[in-house]
């Protein structure tokens, strides 16, 4: 059985956009995570405070970190696909003239 790549690699015109978007999302998430760490360092007892449905701040903040990461992944995928589609439309229009 011959195993070949699923798709051929080539130049990605949206690569710069994807990199910028990824860096901005990474910075946002790092700041969000740093705020979690800062609260733990500055006021560890505040993490015991009940904030939602009987859950303490540490648990809610931890789940929020996970949920935000998942949402960011979906938004990143959606925005990157939209940018790739724009480049594909531009190349189709340029080739038809």
C-alpha atoms as a PDB file:
ATOM      1  CA  UNK A   1       0.000   0.000   0.000  1.00  0.00           C
ATOM      2  CA  UNK A   2       1.398   3.376  -1.025  1.00  0.00           C
ATOM      3  CA  UNK A   3       1.155   6.120   1.573  1.00  0.00           C
ATOM      4  CA  UNK A   4       1.285   9.617   0.152  1.00  0.00           C
ATOM      5  CA  UNK A   5       0.539  12.962   1.767  1.00  0.00           C
ATOM      6  CA  UNK A   6      -3.166  13.769   1.950  1.00  0.00           C
ATOM      7  CA  UNK A   7      -2.525  17.091   0.239  1.00  0.00           C
ATOM      8  CA  UNK A   8       0.375  18.701  -1.480  1.00  0.00           C
ATOM      9  CA  UNK A   9       2.150  21.477   0.358  1.00  0.00           C
ATOM     10  CA  UNK A  10       2.777  24.817  -1.208  1.00  0.00           C
ATOM     11  CA  UNK A  11       2.849  28.517  -0.603  1.00  0.00           C
ATOM     12  CA  UNK A  12       0.139  29.671   1.799  1.00  0.00           C
ATOM     13  CA  UNK A  13      -0.807  33.286   1.035  1.00  0.00           C
ATOM     14  CA  UNK A  14      -2.660  33.506   4.373  1.00  0.00           C
ATOM     15  CA  UNK A  15       0.382  32.439   6.423  1.00  0.00           C
ATOM     16  CA  UNK A  16       1.258  35.965   7.575  1.00  0.00           C
ATOM     17  CA  UNK A  17      -2.339  36.595   8.660  1.00  0.00           C
ATOM     18  CA  UNK A  18      -2.465  33.287  10.522  1.00  0.00           C
ATOM     19  CA  UNK A  19       0.807  34.016  12.294  1.00  0.00           C
ATOM     20  CA  UNK A  20      -0.273  37.516  13.398  1.00  0.00           C
ATOM     21  CA  UNK A  21      -3.637  36.223  14.579  1.00  0.00           C
ATOM     22  CA  UNK A  22      -2.013  33.342  16.443  1.00  0.00           C
ATOM     23  CA  UNK A  23       0.455  35.647  18.183  1.00  0.00           C
ATOM     24  CA  UNK A  24      -2.304  38.043  19.296  1.00  0.00           C
ATOM     25  CA  UNK A  25      -4.431  35.184  20.590  1.00  0.00           C
ATOM     26  CA  UNK A  26      -1.414  33.718  22.386  1.00  0.00           C
ATOM     27  CA  UNK A  27      -0.665  37.071  24.042  1.00  0.00           C
ATOM     28  CA  UNK A  28      -4.303  37.405  25.136  1.00  0.00           C
ATOM     29  CA  UNK A  29      -4.304  33.908  26.622  1.00  0.00           C
ATOM     30  CA  UNK A  30      -0.960  34.459  28.347  1.00  0.00           C
ATOM     31  CA  UNK A  31      -2.326  37.612  29.989  1.00  0.00           C
ATOM     32  CA  UNK A  32      -5.456  35.743  31.060  1.00  0.00           C
ATOM     33  CA  UNK A  33      -3.356  32.915  32.511  1.00  0.00           C
ATOM     34  CA  UNK A  34      -0.974  35.404  34.146  1.00  0.00           C
ATOM     35  CA  UNK A  35      -3.962  37.000  35.894  1.00  0.00           C
ATOM     36  CA  UNK A  36      -4.837  33.560  37.300  1.00  0.00           C
ATOM     37  CA  UNK A  37      -1.282  33.084  38.542  1.00  0.00           C
ATOM     38  CA  UNK A  38      -1.170  36.632  39.937  1.00  0.00           C
ATOM     39  CA  UNK A  39      -4.357  36.109  41.963  1.00  0.00           C
ATOM     40  CA  UNK A  40      -2.885  32.880  43.316  1.00  0.00           C
ATOM     41  CA  UNK A  41       0.325  34.637  44.319  1.00  0.00           C
ATOM     42  CA  UNK A  42      -1.111  37.914  45.598  1.00  0.00           C
ATOM     43  CA  UNK A  43      -4.168  36.604  47.398  1.00  0.00           C
ATOM     44  CA  UNK A  44      -4.332  32.815  47.625  1.00  0.00           C
ATOM     45  CA  UNK A  45      -7.166  32.909  50.141  1.00  0.00           C
ATOM     46  CA  UNK A  46      -9.396  34.702  47.619  1.00  0.00           C
ATOM     47  CA  UNK A  47      -9.325  31.523  45.528  1.00  0.00           C
ATOM     48  CA  UNK A  48     -11.435  29.866  48.232  1.00  0.00           C
ATOM     49  CA  UNK A  49     -14.229  32.408  47.780  1.00  0.00           C
ATOM     50  CA  UNK A  50     -17.465  30.867  46.453  1.00  0.00           C
ATOM     51  CA  UNK A  51     -18.407  32.689  43.254  1.00  0.00           C
ATOM     52  CA  UNK A  52     -20.800  30.543  41.225  1.00  0.00           C
ATOM     53  CA  UNK A  53     -23.099  27.616  41.964  1.00  0.00           C
ATOM     54  CA  UNK A  54     -21.143  26.610  45.067  1.00  0.00           C
ATOM     55  CA  UNK A  55     -17.820  26.567  43.194  1.00  0.00           C
ATOM     56  CA  UNK A  56     -14.815  28.488  44.427  1.00  0.00           C
ATOM     57  CA  UNK A  57     -12.898  31.048  42.373  1.00  0.00           C
ATOM     58  CA  UNK A  58     -10.041  28.625  41.665  1.00  0.00           C
ATOM     59  CA  UNK A  59     -12.379  26.092  40.066  1.00  0.00           C
ATOM     60  CA  UNK A  60     -14.311  28.682  38.072  1.00  0.00           C
ATOM     61  CA  UNK A  61     -11.100  30.364  36.907  1.00  0.00           C
ATOM     62  CA  UNK A  62      -9.600  26.993  35.943  1.00  0.00           C
ATOM     63  CA  UNK A  63     -12.635  26.017  33.891  1.00  0.00           C
ATOM     64  CA  UNK A  64     -12.674  29.490  32.352  1.00  0.00           C
ATOM     65  CA  UNK A  65      -9.078  28.965  31.197  1.00  0.00           C
ATOM     66  CA  UNK A  66     -10.095  25.733  29.486  1.00  0.00           C
ATOM     67  CA  UNK A  67     -13.242  27.187  27.916  1.00  0.00           C
ATOM     68  CA  UNK A  68     -11.419  30.289  26.670  1.00  0.00           C
ATOM     69  CA  UNK A  69      -8.734  28.098  25.057  1.00  0.00           C
ATOM     70  CA  UNK A  70     -11.393  26.055  23.254  1.00  0.00           C
ATOM     71  CA  UNK A  71     -13.245  29.165  22.103  1.00  0.00           C
ATOM     72  CA  UNK A  72     -10.004  30.696  20.876  1.00  0.00           C
ATOM     73  CA  UNK A  73      -9.233  27.553  18.887  1.00  0.00           C
ATOM     74  CA  UNK A  74     -12.639  27.676  17.198  1.00  0.00           C
ATOM     75  CA  UNK A  75     -12.356  31.398  16.466  1.00  0.00           C
ATOM     76  CA  UNK A  76      -8.833  30.940  15.095  1.00  0.00           C
ATOM     77  CA  UNK A  77      -9.999  28.159  12.784  1.00  0.00           C
ATOM     78  CA  UNK A  78     -13.015  30.162  11.625  1.00  0.00           C
ATOM     79  CA  UNK A  79     -10.997  33.329  10.923  1.00  0.00           C
ATOM     80  CA  UNK A  80      -8.218  31.424   9.153  1.00  0.00           C
ATOM     81  CA  UNK A  81     -10.675  29.563   6.934  1.00  0.00           C
ATOM     82  CA  UNK A  82     -12.384  32.859   6.054  1.00  0.00           C
ATOM     83  CA  UNK A  83      -9.023  34.419   5.135  1.00  0.00           C
ATOM     84  CA  UNK A  84      -8.069  31.400   3.026  1.00  0.00           C
ATOM     85  CA  UNK A  85     -11.418  31.641   1.230  1.00  0.00           C
ATOM     86  CA  UNK A  86     -10.800  35.349   0.498  1.00  0.00           C
ATOM     87  CA  UNK A  87      -7.407  34.538  -1.018  1.00  0.00           C
ATOM     88  CA  UNK A  88      -8.931  31.694  -3.034  1.00  0.00           C
ATOM     89  CA  UNK A  89     -11.639  34.039  -4.367  1.00  0.00           C
ATOM     90  CA  UNK A  90      -9.023  36.638  -5.308  1.00  0.00           C
ATOM     91  CA  UNK A  91      -6.921  34.078  -7.163  1.00  0.00           C
ATOM     92  CA  UNK A  92     -10.010  32.777  -8.984  1.00  0.00           C
ATOM     93  CA  UNK A  93     -10.948  36.301 -10.074  1.00  0.00           C
ATOM     94  CA  UNK A  94      -7.392  37.008 -11.203  1.00  0.00           C
ATOM     95  CA  UNK A  95      -7.246  33.834 -13.286  1.00  0.00           C
ATOM     96  CA  UNK A  96     -10.504  34.464 -15.130  1.00  0.00           C
ATOM     97  CA  UNK A  97      -9.496  37.819 -16.685  1.00  0.00           C
END
